Amino acid sequence: MDENKQKPLKIFFIKLVSISLAIIIITNVLFNLLISDKLESIDSLLSLTEIENRKEYGEQLRDDLRALLKKDAIIKQEDKILLYNLYKKFKLEFKEINQ
């Protein structure tokens, strides 16, 4: 009779351990897929205090600016219109300050 009580208990513990391992594995996979990329980008931003990283980002910015200056049109037509309208709005508001 003692063996009959231990058998369901043994099955329960096997299921408990397997479910716990499955939860741990799923959590680990989700963390690696979803969060680790964002942590790497945050880590790169926090490493801007190091001189080497600042120089690297500075060079990358310079290269991007050179490539941008080689283009015929830097800003899309729709963006130009929006910026111009924003400029006119600012100009009106600054005129009100002078009065």
C-alpha atoms as a PDB file:
ATOM      1  CA  MET A   1       0.000   0.000   0.000  1.00  0.00           C
ATOM      2  CA  ASP A   2       2.957   2.279   0.648  1.00  0.00           C
ATOM      3  CA  GLU A   3       4.114   1.887  -2.956  1.00  0.00           C
ATOM      4  CA  ASN A   4       0.719   2.956  -4.296  1.00  0.00           C
ATOM      5  CA  LYS A   5       0.968   6.305  -2.447  1.00  0.00           C
ATOM      6  CA  GLN A   6       4.532   6.953  -3.620  1.00  0.00           C
ATOM      7  CA  LYS A   7       3.793   6.330  -7.289  1.00  0.00           C
ATOM      8  CA  PRO A   8       1.432   9.349  -7.774  1.00  0.00           C
ATOM      9  CA  LEU A   9       3.810  11.483  -5.721  1.00  0.00           C
ATOM     10  CA  LYS A  10       6.724  10.438  -7.911  1.00  0.00           C
ATOM     11  CA  ILE A  11       4.734  11.298 -11.058  1.00  0.00           C
ATOM     12  CA  PHE A  12       3.798  14.663  -9.540  1.00  0.00           C
ATOM     13  CA  PHE A  13       7.442  15.563  -8.864  1.00  0.00           C
ATOM     14  CA  ILE A  14       8.530  14.477 -12.338  1.00  0.00           C
ATOM     15  CA  LYS A  15       5.838  16.701 -13.863  1.00  0.00           C
ATOM     16  CA  LEU A  16       6.765  19.566 -11.540  1.00  0.00           C
ATOM     17  CA  VAL A  17      10.447  19.395 -12.491  1.00  0.00           C
ATOM     18  CA  SER A  18       9.706  19.119 -16.218  1.00  0.00           C
ATOM     19  CA  ILE A  19       7.286  22.071 -16.155  1.00  0.00           C
ATOM     20  CA  SER A  20       9.780  24.144 -14.155  1.00  0.00           C
ATOM     21  CA  LEU A  21      12.537  23.397 -16.673  1.00  0.00           C
ATOM     22  CA  ALA A  22      10.222  24.244 -19.560  1.00  0.00           C
ATOM     23  CA  ILE A  23       9.348  27.601 -17.976  1.00  0.00           C
ATOM     24  CA  ILE A  24      13.023  28.392 -17.401  1.00  0.00           C
ATOM     25  CA  ILE A  25      13.921  27.523 -21.001  1.00  0.00           C
ATOM     26  CA  ILE A  26      11.029  29.527 -22.468  1.00  0.00           C
ATOM     27  CA  THR A  27      11.891  32.540 -20.306  1.00  0.00           C
ATOM     28  CA  ASN A  28      15.523  32.357 -21.361  1.00  0.00           C
ATOM     29  CA  VAL A  29      14.661  32.132 -25.066  1.00  0.00           C
ATOM     30  CA  LEU A  30      12.210  35.034 -24.870  1.00  0.00           C
ATOM     31  CA  PHE A  31      14.734  37.162 -22.999  1.00  0.00           C
ATOM     32  CA  ASN A  32      17.426  36.477 -25.583  1.00  0.00           C
ATOM     33  CA  LEU A  33      15.130  37.152 -28.531  1.00  0.00           C
ATOM     34  CA  LEU A  34      13.356  40.241 -27.271  1.00  0.00           C
ATOM     35  CA  ILE A  35      15.463  42.059 -24.720  1.00  0.00           C
ATOM     36  CA  SER A  36      19.126  41.283 -25.347  1.00  0.00           C
ATOM     37  CA  ASP A  37      19.309  43.360 -28.571  1.00  0.00           C
ATOM     38  CA  LYS A  38      17.957  46.389 -26.771  1.00  0.00           C
ATOM     39  CA  LEU A  39      20.390  45.904 -23.909  1.00  0.00           C
ATOM     40  CA  GLU A  40      23.291  45.843 -26.365  1.00  0.00           C
ATOM     41  CA  SER A  41      22.251  49.167 -27.883  1.00  0.00           C
ATOM     42  CA  ILE A  42      21.832  50.701 -24.428  1.00  0.00           C
ATOM     43  CA  ASP A  43      25.238  49.351 -23.450  1.00  0.00           C
ATOM     44  CA  SER A  44      26.820  50.958 -26.508  1.00  0.00           C
ATOM     45  CA  LEU A  45      25.265  54.297 -25.557  1.00  0.00           C
ATOM     46  CA  LEU A  46      26.549  53.996 -22.011  1.00  0.00           C
ATOM     47  CA  SER A  47      30.040  53.266 -23.285  1.00  0.00           C
ATOM     48  CA  LEU A  48      30.308  56.740 -24.812  1.00  0.00           C
ATOM     49  CA  THR A  49      32.446  57.747 -21.861  1.00  0.00           C
ATOM     50  CA  GLU A  50      35.327  55.758 -23.330  1.00  0.00           C
ATOM     51  CA  ILE A  51      37.499  57.775 -25.723  1.00  0.00           C
ATOM     52  CA  GLU A  52      37.771  54.974 -28.290  1.00  0.00           C
ATOM     53  CA  ASN A  53      34.011  54.671 -28.599  1.00  0.00           C
ATOM     54  CA  ARG A  54      33.539  58.411 -28.941  1.00  0.00           C
ATOM     55  CA  LYS A  55      36.149  58.542 -31.704  1.00  0.00           C
ATOM     56  CA  GLU A  56      34.468  55.632 -33.494  1.00  0.00           C
ATOM     57  CA  TYR A  57      31.031  57.257 -33.314  1.00  0.00           C
ATOM     58  CA  GLY A  58      32.539  60.577 -34.419  1.00  0.00           C
ATOM     59  CA  GLU A  59      34.084  58.955 -37.489  1.00  0.00           C
ATOM     60  CA  GLN A  60      30.843  57.183 -38.292  1.00  0.00           C
ATOM     61  CA  LEU A  61      28.948  60.480 -38.018  1.00  0.00           C
ATOM     62  CA  ARG A  62      31.455  62.200 -40.316  1.00  0.00           C
ATOM     63  CA  ASP A  63      31.131  59.411 -42.902  1.00  0.00           C
ATOM     64  CA  ASP A  64      27.347  59.636 -42.773  1.00  0.00           C
ATOM     65  CA  LEU A  65      27.469  63.416 -43.212  1.00  0.00           C
ATOM     66  CA  ARG A  66      29.817  63.092 -46.207  1.00  0.00           C
ATOM     67  CA  ALA A  67      27.462  60.576 -47.821  1.00  0.00           C
ATOM     68  CA  LEU A  68      24.504  62.854 -47.113  1.00  0.00           C
ATOM     69  CA  LEU A  69      26.214  65.857 -48.726  1.00  0.00           C
ATOM     70  CA  LYS A  70      26.817  63.867 -51.923  1.00  0.00           C
ATOM     71  CA  LYS A  71      23.076  63.396 -52.424  1.00  0.00           C
ATOM     72  CA  ASP A  72      21.143  65.767 -54.671  1.00  0.00           C
ATOM     73  CA  ALA A  73      18.269  66.244 -52.248  1.00  0.00           C
ATOM     74  CA  ILE A  74      18.849  65.852 -48.536  1.00  0.00           C
ATOM     75  CA  ILE A  75      15.247  66.411 -47.482  1.00  0.00           C
ATOM     76  CA  LYS A  76      12.151  64.927 -49.108  1.00  0.00           C
ATOM     77  CA  GLN A  77       9.663  67.369 -50.648  1.00  0.00           C
ATOM     78  CA  GLU A  78       6.990  66.561 -48.051  1.00  0.00           C
ATOM     79  CA  ASP A  79       9.464  67.220 -45.223  1.00  0.00           C
ATOM     80  CA  LYS A  80      10.512  70.501 -46.840  1.00  0.00           C
ATOM     81  CA  ILE A  81       6.903  71.661 -46.855  1.00  0.00           C
ATOM     82  CA  LEU A  82       6.432  70.688 -43.229  1.00  0.00           C
ATOM     83  CA  LEU A  83       9.634  72.419 -42.152  1.00  0.00           C
ATOM     84  CA  TYR A  84       8.737  75.551 -44.112  1.00  0.00           C
ATOM     85  CA  ASN A  85       5.285  75.701 -42.524  1.00  0.00           C
ATOM     86  CA  LEU A  86       6.859  75.216 -39.107  1.00  0.00           C
ATOM     87  CA  TYR A  87       9.299  78.043 -39.887  1.00  0.00           C
ATOM     88  CA  LYS A  88       6.436  80.360 -40.870  1.00  0.00           C
ATOM     89  CA  LYS A  89       4.594  79.501 -37.639  1.00  0.00           C
ATOM     90  CA  PHE A  90       7.700  80.257 -35.569  1.00  0.00           C
ATOM     91  CA  LYS A  91       8.174  83.519 -37.451  1.00  0.00           C
ATOM     92  CA  LEU A  92       4.623  84.610 -36.641  1.00  0.00           C
ATOM     93  CA  GLU A  93       5.013  83.738 -32.979  1.00  0.00           C
ATOM     94  CA  PHE A  94       8.306  85.637 -32.749  1.00  0.00           C
ATOM     95  CA  LYS A  95       6.682  88.703 -34.344  1.00  0.00           C
ATOM     96  CA  GLU A  96       4.107  88.633 -31.553  1.00  0.00           C
ATOM     97  CA  ILE A  97       6.916  88.820 -28.979  1.00  0.00           C
ATOM     98  CA  ASN A  98       8.274  92.047 -30.470  1.00  0.00           C
ATOM     99  CA  GLN A  99       4.876  93.785 -30.254  1.00  0.00           C
END
